[in-house]
């Protein structure tokens, strides 16, 4: 598509195009063995990044007091919320690439332009907030702003790679965003007196590495085309307002229990509670690795095959999260006190509830991608996300006040269950299939693991012959 036509489409308001029904964009369904290999590759990467994230949590809990760990958790929560709002255009960007509306070169330039705008907005805001913030100084807030800019750029490039089916690029970027901050934080904690400001700044320095690598790698393929990508970025931003609201509300809902615990109980309690929240989030590595492996297949499937491919991915995601999380509960119960300290010995109780919450969340995440990118339906997700945020906030306040950390975890589980049910019902209606066909496990789902194991075992022998 010519650049002039692309810019005109980005600037001129127009109704969203219907999803592709076949033809050039349609892709054949991948084999179970192919999905397993791609999922395993991405799972290894996500497990590596998850381990690094866990190690960073262990580091901060051991070098900071529970109060400072609470402040650190609050900063990272708000950083994540702002980053989610700034990366709201990633599903729109992916939709433009999947539906063939813009070239990858223009979208790489758009990613750079969005990062520059993010920096221009967040740096002054961080300095302004520092004038009224009491527990956090300007250096920490400025570092958090820079961190958000770097993560925003890296996430846009990850989504372009995911839409193109480039699992290796997605995996390496994911690893870099977790491992590099761990290494810089560890070095900072060893060389200097660890403080909240120092550790947030170290995280930003670590995030610079994968962002810079992606920028340099794509310098000949669009990352420097800011002028060409500027109009595309404006078009993406204009169509992402609903997605920004969805992303911000969803992430705030996933973290509002931490903020409520800080307000209702104490910052120290929030620091303790942030650990089972982080551990439960790590179980989503299983479902997200499967999402990365099946993303392009689902988004480019013929209309009649979308529900089938989505249902298979959903059912396996739920099973993987529940099995992996269930196995980890006794490990957390036995080792939390030793790894994180005596104050964290009882975190397995809220963690057990949050594992169930993660199973519901993985359903909502995957269907959310389909609604935004494939079906391009923002309104439904906006309503569901706002309702979920309100429900979780009210329940978390009541639960934390009456039952402590377990009550906050229970509120999150209830909110995620309601959100998953609403999204499943909405997606089933749009795809004209029964909701049970999307989420209820089948005997064939269990047997597929045996067939995949056989295929993976036989394939190397075939190559040797």
Protein backbone atom coordinates (compact mmCIF):
# COMPACT_ATOMS: atom_id res chain seq x y z
CA UNK A 1 0.00 0.00 0.00
CA UNK A 2 1.47 3.43 -0.91
CA UNK A 3 2.63 5.61 1.96
CA UNK A 4 0.32 8.49 0.99
CA UNK A 5 -2.67 6.17 1.05
CA UNK A 6 -1.57 4.76 4.39
CA UNK A 7 -1.29 8.22 5.93
CA UNK A 8 -4.66 9.27 4.57
CA UNK A 9 -6.30 6.21 6.11
CA UNK A 10 -4.60 6.85 9.44
CA UNK A 11 -5.82 10.46 9.64
CA UNK A 12 -9.30 10.17 8.16
CA UNK A 13 -11.89 8.72 10.61
CA UNK A 14 -13.53 5.60 9.25
CA UNK A 15 -15.46 2.61 10.44
CA UNK A 16 -13.37 -0.45 11.30
CA UNK A 17 -13.03 -2.96 8.52
CA UNK A 18 -14.52 -6.42 8.96
CA UNK A 19 -12.05 -9.17 9.83
CA UNK A 20 -10.61 -11.17 6.95
CA UNK A 21 -12.63 -14.17 5.94
CA UNK A 22 -10.03 -16.00 3.97
CA UNK A 23 -7.90 -15.38 0.91
CA UNK A 24 -4.42 -13.99 1.20
CA UNK A 25 -4.55 -13.31 4.96
CA UNK A 26 -5.89 -16.70 5.96
CA UNK A 27 -3.34 -19.13 7.34
CA UNK A 28 -3.62 -22.90 7.68
CA UNK A 29 -4.10 -24.30 11.13
CA UNK A 30 -0.72 -25.25 12.60
CA UNK A 31 -0.09 -28.82 13.65
CA UNK A 32 -0.09 -29.75 17.30
CA UNK A 33 3.65 -30.48 17.12
CA UNK A 34 4.36 -27.07 15.55
CA UNK A 35 2.36 -25.30 18.25
CA UNK A 36 4.13 -27.36 20.91
CA UNK A 37 7.58 -26.43 19.58
CA UNK A 38 6.76 -22.75 19.32
CA UNK A 39 5.07 -22.77 22.74
CA UNK A 40 8.02 -24.58 24.29
CA UNK A 41 10.47 -22.05 22.84
CA UNK A 42 8.44 -19.14 24.13
CA UNK A 43 7.82 -20.90 27.44
CA UNK A 44 11.57 -21.31 27.95
CA UNK A 45 11.97 -17.60 27.29
CA UNK A 46 9.08 -16.63 29.55
CA UNK A 47 10.29 -19.02 32.25
CA UNK A 48 13.69 -17.35 32.06
CA UNK A 49 12.11 -13.90 32.32
CA UNK A 50 9.79 -15.11 35.07
CA UNK A 51 12.71 -16.51 37.03
CA UNK A 52 14.52 -13.20 36.63
CA UNK A 53 11.43 -11.32 37.82
CA UNK A 54 11.17 -13.62 40.83
CA UNK A 55 14.86 -13.13 41.56
CA UNK A 56 14.36 -9.37 41.43
CA UNK A 57 11.49 -9.72 43.93
CA UNK A 58 13.73 -11.80 46.21
CA UNK A 59 16.48 -9.20 45.92
CA UNK A 60 14.24 -6.26 46.77
CA UNK A 61 12.59 -8.03 49.70
CA UNK A 62 15.98 -8.82 51.20
CA UNK A 63 17.69 -5.45 50.72
CA UNK A 64 14.69 -3.19 51.49
CA UNK A 65 12.58 -2.94 54.61
CA UNK A 66 8.95 -4.03 54.35
CA UNK A 67 7.92 -0.35 54.24
CA UNK A 68 10.40 0.49 51.47
CA UNK A 69 9.38 -2.69 49.64
CA UNK A 70 5.81 -1.42 49.82
CA UNK A 71 6.83 1.94 48.36
CA UNK A 72 8.81 0.14 45.65
CA UNK A 73 5.77 -2.04 44.87
CA UNK A 74 3.48 0.99 44.63
CA UNK A 75 5.89 2.72 42.22
CA UNK A 76 6.14 -0.37 40.04
CA UNK A 77 2.36 -0.85 40.09
CA UNK A 78 1.74 2.68 38.86
CA UNK A 79 4.57 2.34 36.34
CA UNK A 80 2.89 -0.78 35.00
CA UNK A 81 -0.48 0.96 34.80
CA UNK A 82 0.94 3.93 32.89
CA UNK A 83 2.91 1.62 30.58
CA UNK A 84 -0.26 -0.33 29.87
CA UNK A 85 -2.09 2.86 28.91
CA UNK A 86 0.81 3.96 26.70
CA UNK A 87 0.97 0.56 24.99
CA UNK A 88 -2.79 0.51 24.39
CA UNK A 89 -2.13 0.91 20.70
CA UNK A 90 -0.37 -2.44 20.38
CA UNK A 91 -3.57 -4.39 19.47
CA UNK A 92 -4.50 -1.66 16.95
CA UNK A 93 -0.98 -1.75 15.51
CA UNK A 94 -1.13 -5.54 15.29
CA UNK A 95 -4.55 -5.33 13.61
CA UNK A 96 -3.15 -2.93 10.98
CA UNK A 97 -0.37 -5.41 10.23
CA UNK A 98 -2.59 -8.52 10.33
CA UNK A 99 -5.23 -6.92 8.08
CA UNK A 100 -2.58 -5.59 5.69
CA UNK A 101 -3.33 -1.89 6.24
CA UNK A 102 0.22 -0.70 6.86
CA UNK A 103 3.70 -1.98 6.16
CA UNK A 104 6.03 -3.17 8.95
CA UNK A 105 8.44 -0.32 8.11
CA UNK A 106 5.81 2.34 8.78
CA UNK A 107 4.79 0.61 12.01
CA UNK A 108 8.39 0.48 13.25
CA UNK A 109 8.59 4.23 12.70
CA UNK A 110 5.27 4.65 14.51
CA UNK A 111 6.67 2.74 17.51
CA UNK A 112 9.58 5.18 17.73
CA UNK A 113 7.26 8.16 17.42
CA UNK A 114 5.00 6.87 20.20
CA UNK A 115 8.00 6.37 22.49
CA UNK A 116 9.15 9.95 21.87
CA UNK A 117 5.70 11.33 22.67
CA UNK A 118 5.57 9.17 25.80
CA UNK A 119 8.86 10.68 26.99
CA UNK A 120 7.66 14.22 26.24
CA UNK A 121 4.55 13.63 28.36
CA UNK A 122 5.84 11.54 31.28
CA UNK A 123 9.06 13.35 32.17
CA UNK A 124 7.36 16.69 32.99
CA UNK A 125 4.54 14.86 34.75
CA UNK A 126 7.03 12.96 36.94
CA UNK A 127 8.78 16.18 37.89
CA UNK A 128 5.44 17.81 38.73
CA UNK A 129 4.36 14.87 40.91
CA UNK A 130 7.65 15.03 42.79
CA UNK A 131 6.68 18.48 44.07
CA UNK A 132 3.74 17.05 46.03
CA UNK A 133 4.94 13.50 46.76
CA UNK A 134 6.33 13.02 50.25
CA UNK A 135 7.75 9.48 50.35
CA UNK A 136 9.25 9.50 46.84
CA UNK A 137 11.72 12.00 45.41
CA UNK A 138 12.12 13.40 41.91
CA UNK A 139 14.97 10.99 40.91
CA UNK A 140 12.82 7.91 41.59
CA UNK A 141 9.83 9.30 39.70
CA UNK A 142 12.02 10.43 36.81
CA UNK A 143 13.59 6.96 36.62
CA UNK A 144 10.11 5.41 36.63
CA UNK A 145 9.10 7.70 33.74
CA UNK A 146 12.17 6.72 31.71
CA UNK A 147 11.50 3.06 32.49
CA UNK A 148 7.95 3.44 31.17
CA UNK A 149 9.22 4.99 27.92
CA UNK A 150 11.68 2.14 27.31
CA UNK A 151 9.13 -0.56 28.10
CA UNK A 152 6.59 1.14 25.84
CA UNK A 153 8.93 1.07 22.84
CA UNK A 154 10.01 -2.52 23.47
CA UNK A 155 6.41 -3.70 23.79
CA UNK A 156 5.38 -2.12 20.48
CA UNK A 157 8.24 -3.90 18.73
CA UNK A 158 7.32 -7.16 20.47
CA UNK A 159 3.75 -6.90 19.16
CA UNK A 160 4.95 -6.30 15.60
CA UNK A 161 7.17 -9.38 15.86
CA UNK A 162 4.32 -11.42 17.37
CA UNK A 163 1.93 -10.40 14.58
CA UNK A 164 4.57 -11.52 12.07
CA UNK A 165 4.95 -14.86 13.84
CA UNK A 166 8.57 -14.20 14.87
CA UNK A 167 8.58 -16.09 18.14
CA UNK A 168 12.37 -15.87 18.62
CA UNK A 169 12.37 -12.06 18.55
CA UNK A 170 9.46 -11.93 21.01
CA UNK A 171 11.21 -14.41 23.29
CA UNK A 172 14.57 -12.64 23.31
CA UNK A 173 12.99 -9.24 23.97
CA UNK A 174 10.95 -10.72 26.80
CA UNK A 175 14.10 -12.20 28.32
CA UNK A 176 15.97 -8.92 27.98
CA UNK A 177 13.25 -6.91 29.71
CA UNK A 178 13.53 -9.16 32.76
CA UNK A 179 17.14 -10.34 32.93
CA UNK A 180 18.87 -7.03 32.22
CA UNK A 181 17.04 -5.14 35.02
CA UNK A 182 17.88 -8.00 37.39
CA UNK A 183 21.58 -7.76 36.57
CA UNK A 184 21.70 -3.98 36.90
CA UNK A 185 19.70 -4.07 40.15
CA UNK A 186 21.98 -6.74 41.58
CA UNK A 187 25.07 -4.72 40.65
CA UNK A 188 23.57 -1.58 42.17
CA UNK A 189 22.67 -3.40 45.41
CA UNK A 190 26.23 -4.76 45.71
CA UNK A 191 28.08 -1.57 44.82
CA UNK A 192 25.90 0.98 46.62
CA UNK A 193 23.61 1.34 49.58
CA UNK A 194 20.29 0.03 48.18
CA UNK A 195 17.38 2.46 48.26
CA UNK A 196 14.06 2.64 46.43
CA UNK A 197 15.40 5.34 44.12
CA UNK A 198 18.55 3.37 43.31
CA UNK A 199 16.67 0.18 42.48
CA UNK A 200 14.09 1.92 40.28
CA UNK A 201 16.92 3.69 38.42
CA UNK A 202 18.77 0.38 38.02
CA UNK A 203 15.63 -1.16 36.55
CA UNK A 204 15.44 1.66 33.99
CA UNK A 205 19.09 1.18 33.03
CA UNK A 206 18.46 -2.53 32.52
CA UNK A 207 15.38 -1.89 30.34
CA UNK A 208 17.50 0.35 28.12
CA UNK A 209 19.42 -2.67 26.79
CA UNK A 210 16.61 -4.58 24.98
CA UNK A 211 15.01 -1.32 23.81
CA UNK A 212 18.32 -0.12 22.32
CA UNK A 213 19.02 -3.49 20.71
CA UNK A 214 15.63 -3.47 18.98
CA UNK A 215 16.08 0.12 17.83
CA UNK A 216 19.53 -0.52 16.35
CA UNK A 217 18.42 -3.84 14.82
CA UNK A 218 15.54 -2.12 13.02
CA UNK A 219 17.38 1.10 12.13
CA UNK A 220 17.45 0.03 8.47
CA UNK A 221 13.91 -1.32 8.52
CA UNK A 222 11.83 1.53 9.84
CA UNK A 223 12.78 2.53 13.41
CA UNK A 224 14.34 5.76 12.09
CA UNK A 225 11.36 6.56 9.85
CA UNK A 226 9.75 8.77 12.47
CA UNK A 227 8.40 11.22 9.87
CA UNK A 228 6.63 8.44 7.97
CA UNK A 229 5.48 6.78 11.17
CA UNK A 230 4.19 9.98 12.75
CA UNK A 231 0.87 10.00 10.90
CA UNK A 232 0.46 6.28 11.52
CA UNK A 233 1.14 6.86 15.22
CA UNK A 234 -1.57 9.53 15.35
CA UNK A 235 -4.01 7.19 13.66
CA UNK A 236 -3.13 4.37 16.07
CA UNK A 237 -3.46 6.68 19.08
CA UNK A 238 -6.82 7.97 17.88
CA UNK A 239 -8.21 4.46 17.53
CA UNK A 240 -6.66 3.31 20.79
CA UNK A 241 -8.56 5.47 23.25
CA UNK A 242 -10.96 2.66 24.09
CA UNK A 243 -8.08 0.18 24.26
CA UNK A 244 -6.20 2.53 26.60
CA UNK A 245 -9.20 2.62 28.88
CA UNK A 246 -9.47 -1.17 28.73
CA UNK A 247 -5.76 -1.68 29.39
CA UNK A 248 -5.57 0.82 32.21
CA UNK A 249 -8.73 -0.45 33.88
CA UNK A 250 -7.65 -4.08 33.49
CA UNK A 251 -4.18 -3.57 34.92
CA UNK A 252 -5.51 -1.35 37.68
CA UNK A 253 -7.96 -4.13 38.48
CA UNK A 254 -5.13 -6.66 38.61
CA UNK A 255 -3.18 -4.42 40.99
CA UNK A 256 -5.90 -2.53 42.82
CA UNK A 257 -5.84 -5.14 45.58
CA UNK A 258 -2.21 -4.15 46.32
CA UNK A 259 -3.16 -0.47 46.46
CA UNK A 260 -6.21 -1.21 48.61
CA UNK A 261 -4.12 -3.28 51.03
CA UNK A 262 -1.73 -0.32 51.34
CA UNK A 263 -4.64 2.03 52.06
CA UNK A 264 -6.70 -0.25 54.33
CA UNK A 265 -3.92 -2.07 56.21
CA UNK A 266 -0.43 -0.58 55.66
CA UNK A 267 2.37 -0.10 53.13
CA UNK A 268 4.24 -2.97 54.82
CA UNK A 269 1.27 -5.29 54.26
CA UNK A 270 1.17 -4.18 50.64
CA UNK A 271 4.84 -5.06 50.30
CA UNK A 272 4.15 -8.55 51.65
CA UNK A 273 1.02 -9.01 49.53
CA UNK A 274 2.84 -7.92 46.37
CA UNK A 275 4.90 -11.12 46.49
CA UNK A 276 2.02 -13.65 46.09
CA UNK A 277 0.59 -11.32 43.42
CA UNK A 278 3.89 -11.48 41.53
CA UNK A 279 4.17 -15.23 42.00
CA UNK A 280 0.63 -15.80 40.74
CA UNK A 281 1.33 -13.59 37.74
CA UNK A 282 4.24 -15.87 36.87
CA UNK A 283 1.83 -18.77 36.27
CA UNK A 284 0.52 -16.77 33.31
CA UNK A 285 3.83 -17.45 31.59
CA UNK A 286 2.33 -20.80 30.61
CA UNK A 287 -0.75 -19.33 28.94
CA UNK A 288 1.10 -16.41 27.38
CA UNK A 289 3.65 -18.71 25.76
CA UNK A 290 0.77 -20.59 24.15
CA UNK A 291 -0.82 -17.29 23.09
CA UNK A 292 2.40 -16.19 21.39
CA UNK A 293 2.64 -19.50 19.53
CA UNK A 294 -0.99 -19.44 18.32
CA UNK A 295 -1.51 -15.68 17.95
CA UNK A 296 -0.99 -15.36 14.20
CA UNK A 297 -2.88 -18.57 13.51
CA UNK A 298 -5.95 -17.31 15.40
CA UNK A 299 -5.84 -13.76 14.04
CA UNK A 300 -5.50 -14.82 10.39
CA UNK A 301 -7.79 -17.87 10.48
CA UNK A 302 -10.75 -18.09 8.09
CA UNK A 303 -13.93 -16.87 9.80
CA UNK A 304 -15.29 -20.40 10.22
CA UNK A 305 -12.14 -21.60 12.00
CA UNK A 306 -11.57 -18.77 14.50
CA UNK A 307 -13.75 -20.29 17.24
CA UNK A 308 -12.14 -23.71 16.88
CA UNK A 309 -8.57 -22.43 17.08
CA UNK A 310 -9.42 -20.03 19.91
CA UNK A 311 -11.22 -22.73 21.89
CA UNK A 312 -8.27 -25.11 21.72
CA UNK A 313 -5.86 -22.39 22.87
CA UNK A 314 -8.20 -21.31 25.70
CA UNK A 315 -8.78 -24.79 27.08
CA UNK A 316 -5.11 -25.70 27.07
CA UNK A 317 -4.19 -22.36 28.66
CA UNK A 318 -6.53 -22.95 31.59
CA UNK A 319 -5.26 -26.49 32.12
CA UNK A 320 -1.62 -25.42 32.03
CA UNK A 321 -2.13 -22.55 34.49
CA UNK A 322 -4.12 -24.66 36.96
CA UNK A 323 -1.70 -27.60 36.85
CA UNK A 324 1.44 -25.45 37.01
CA UNK A 325 0.02 -23.22 39.72
CA UNK A 326 -1.31 -26.14 41.74
CA UNK A 327 2.07 -27.82 41.74
CA UNK A 328 3.72 -24.60 42.93
CA UNK A 329 1.44 -24.02 45.96
CA UNK A 330 3.22 -26.50 48.31
CA UNK A 331 6.57 -25.16 47.05
CA UNK A 332 5.55 -21.63 48.05
CA UNK A 333 4.20 -22.89 51.38
CA UNK A 334 7.49 -24.58 52.24
CA UNK A 335 9.97 -22.08 50.83
CA UNK A 336 8.48 -18.59 51.07
CA UNK A 337 9.72 -17.92 54.58
CA UNK A 338 13.21 -19.12 53.74
CA UNK A 339 13.49 -17.25 50.42
CA UNK A 340 11.75 -13.97 51.23
CA UNK A 341 12.03 -13.81 55.02
CA UNK A 342 9.90 -14.70 58.02
CA UNK A 343 7.39 -11.93 57.33
CA UNK A 344 6.44 -13.70 54.10
CA UNK A 345 5.99 -17.21 55.53
CA UNK A 346 2.18 -17.16 55.28
CA UNK A 347 1.83 -15.84 51.73
CA UNK A 348 0.86 -19.29 50.39
CA UNK A 349 -2.73 -18.76 51.57
CA UNK A 350 -3.48 -15.74 49.36
CA UNK A 351 -1.28 -17.30 46.67
CA UNK A 352 -3.49 -20.41 46.46
CA UNK A 353 -6.50 -18.21 45.72
CA UNK A 354 -4.56 -16.10 43.24
CA UNK A 355 -3.62 -19.21 41.24
CA UNK A 356 -7.32 -19.78 40.57
CA UNK A 357 -7.63 -16.09 39.73
CA UNK A 358 -4.81 -16.48 37.19
CA UNK A 359 -6.73 -19.24 35.42
CA UNK A 360 -9.66 -16.87 34.94
CA UNK A 361 -7.33 -14.05 33.93
CA UNK A 362 -5.65 -16.10 31.20
CA UNK A 363 -9.09 -16.63 29.63
CA UNK A 364 -9.82 -12.91 29.75
CA UNK A 365 -6.40 -12.05 28.31
CA UNK A 366 -6.68 -14.35 25.31
CA UNK A 367 -10.27 -13.41 24.47
CA UNK A 368 -9.36 -9.75 24.92
CA UNK A 369 -6.75 -10.07 22.15
CA UNK A 370 -9.31 -11.64 19.83
CA UNK A 371 -11.95 -9.00 20.57
CA UNK A 372 -9.50 -6.13 20.03
CA UNK A 373 -7.35 -7.36 17.15
CA UNK A 374 -9.43 -9.87 15.19
CA UNK A 375 -12.99 -8.68 15.81
CA UNK A 376 -12.06 -5.06 16.62
CA UNK A 377 -14.73 -4.66 19.30
CA UNK A 378 -13.61 -2.14 21.91
CA UNK A 379 -16.93 -1.10 23.41
CA UNK A 380 -17.68 -4.47 24.99
CA UNK A 381 -14.24 -4.68 26.58
CA UNK A 382 -14.49 -1.12 27.92
CA UNK A 383 -17.74 -1.93 29.73
CA UNK A 384 -16.44 -5.24 31.09
CA UNK A 385 -13.13 -3.70 32.27
CA UNK A 386 -14.78 -0.80 34.08
CA UNK A 387 -17.26 -3.13 35.77
CA UNK A 388 -14.43 -5.49 36.78
CA UNK A 389 -12.43 -2.59 38.25
CA UNK A 390 -15.36 -1.39 40.35
CA UNK A 391 -16.23 -4.88 41.59
CA UNK A 392 -12.64 -5.71 42.52
CA UNK A 393 -12.08 -2.35 44.23
CA UNK A 394 -15.20 -2.67 46.40
CA UNK A 395 -14.60 -6.32 47.25
CA UNK A 396 -10.89 -5.75 47.93
CA UNK A 397 -11.65 -2.95 50.40
CA UNK A 398 -14.18 -5.09 52.25
CA UNK A 399 -12.10 -8.27 52.05
CA UNK A 400 -8.87 -6.63 53.21
CA UNK A 401 -10.64 -4.93 56.11
CA UNK A 402 -12.39 -8.10 57.31
CA UNK A 403 -10.08 -10.96 56.27
CA UNK A 404 -6.71 -9.36 55.56
CA UNK A 405 -4.58 -10.54 52.65
CA UNK A 406 -6.73 -13.64 52.03
CA UNK A 407 -9.79 -11.41 51.65
CA UNK A 408 -7.99 -9.24 49.09
CA UNK A 409 -7.00 -12.34 47.12
CA UNK A 410 -10.55 -13.69 47.23
CA UNK A 411 -11.90 -10.40 45.85
CA UNK A 412 -9.50 -10.61 42.92
CA UNK A 413 -10.56 -14.18 42.17
CA UNK A 414 -14.25 -13.24 42.13
CA UNK A 415 -13.62 -10.22 39.88
CA UNK A 416 -11.54 -12.24 37.40
CA UNK A 417 -14.15 -14.99 37.29
CA UNK A 418 -16.88 -12.49 36.47
CA UNK A 419 -14.75 -10.80 33.80
CA UNK A 420 -13.82 -14.11 32.16
CA UNK A 421 -17.47 -15.24 32.09
CA UNK A 422 -18.57 -11.94 30.52
CA UNK A 423 -15.87 -12.04 27.85
CA UNK A 424 -16.54 -15.67 26.99
CA UNK A 425 -20.25 -14.92 26.59
CA UNK A 426 -19.50 -11.86 24.43
CA UNK A 427 -16.98 -13.65 22.20
CA UNK A 428 -19.25 -16.70 21.82
CA UNK A 429 -22.10 -14.44 20.68
CA UNK A 430 -19.91 -12.66 18.12
CA UNK A 431 -18.53 -15.95 16.77
CA UNK A 432 -21.97 -17.60 16.89
CA UNK A 433 -20.84 -20.62 18.90
CA UNK A 434 -21.91 -22.00 22.31
CA UNK A 435 -19.78 -20.62 25.14
CA UNK A 436 -19.08 -24.12 26.44
CA UNK A 437 -17.32 -24.96 23.15
CA UNK A 438 -14.67 -22.34 23.97
CA UNK A 439 -13.75 -23.20 27.54
CA UNK A 440 -14.97 -26.64 28.66
CA UNK A 441 -12.12 -29.20 28.41
CA UNK A 442 -12.58 -32.26 26.23
CA UNK A 443 -11.06 -35.71 26.31
CA UNK A 444 -9.31 -34.94 23.03
CA UNK A 445 -7.54 -32.01 24.73
CA UNK A 446 -5.92 -34.38 27.21
CA UNK A 447 -5.05 -36.93 24.52
CA UNK A 448 -3.33 -34.23 22.47
CA UNK A 449 -0.51 -34.09 25.02
CA UNK A 450 0.23 -37.74 24.38
CA UNK A 451 0.19 -37.21 20.60
CA UNK A 452 2.48 -34.19 20.87
CA UNK A 453 4.92 -36.16 23.02
CA UNK A 454 4.97 -38.92 20.42
CA UNK A 455 5.51 -36.43 17.59
CA UNK A 456 8.36 -34.71 19.40
CA UNK A 457 9.94 -38.09 20.11
CA UNK A 458 9.62 -39.40 16.55
CA UNK A 459 10.69 -36.20 14.74
CA UNK A 460 14.41 -36.36 15.73
CA UNK A 461 14.58 -40.00 14.61
CA UNK A 462 13.11 -39.04 11.24
CA UNK A 463 15.73 -36.33 10.78
CA UNK A 464 18.53 -38.76 11.61
CA UNK A 465 17.34 -41.13 8.90
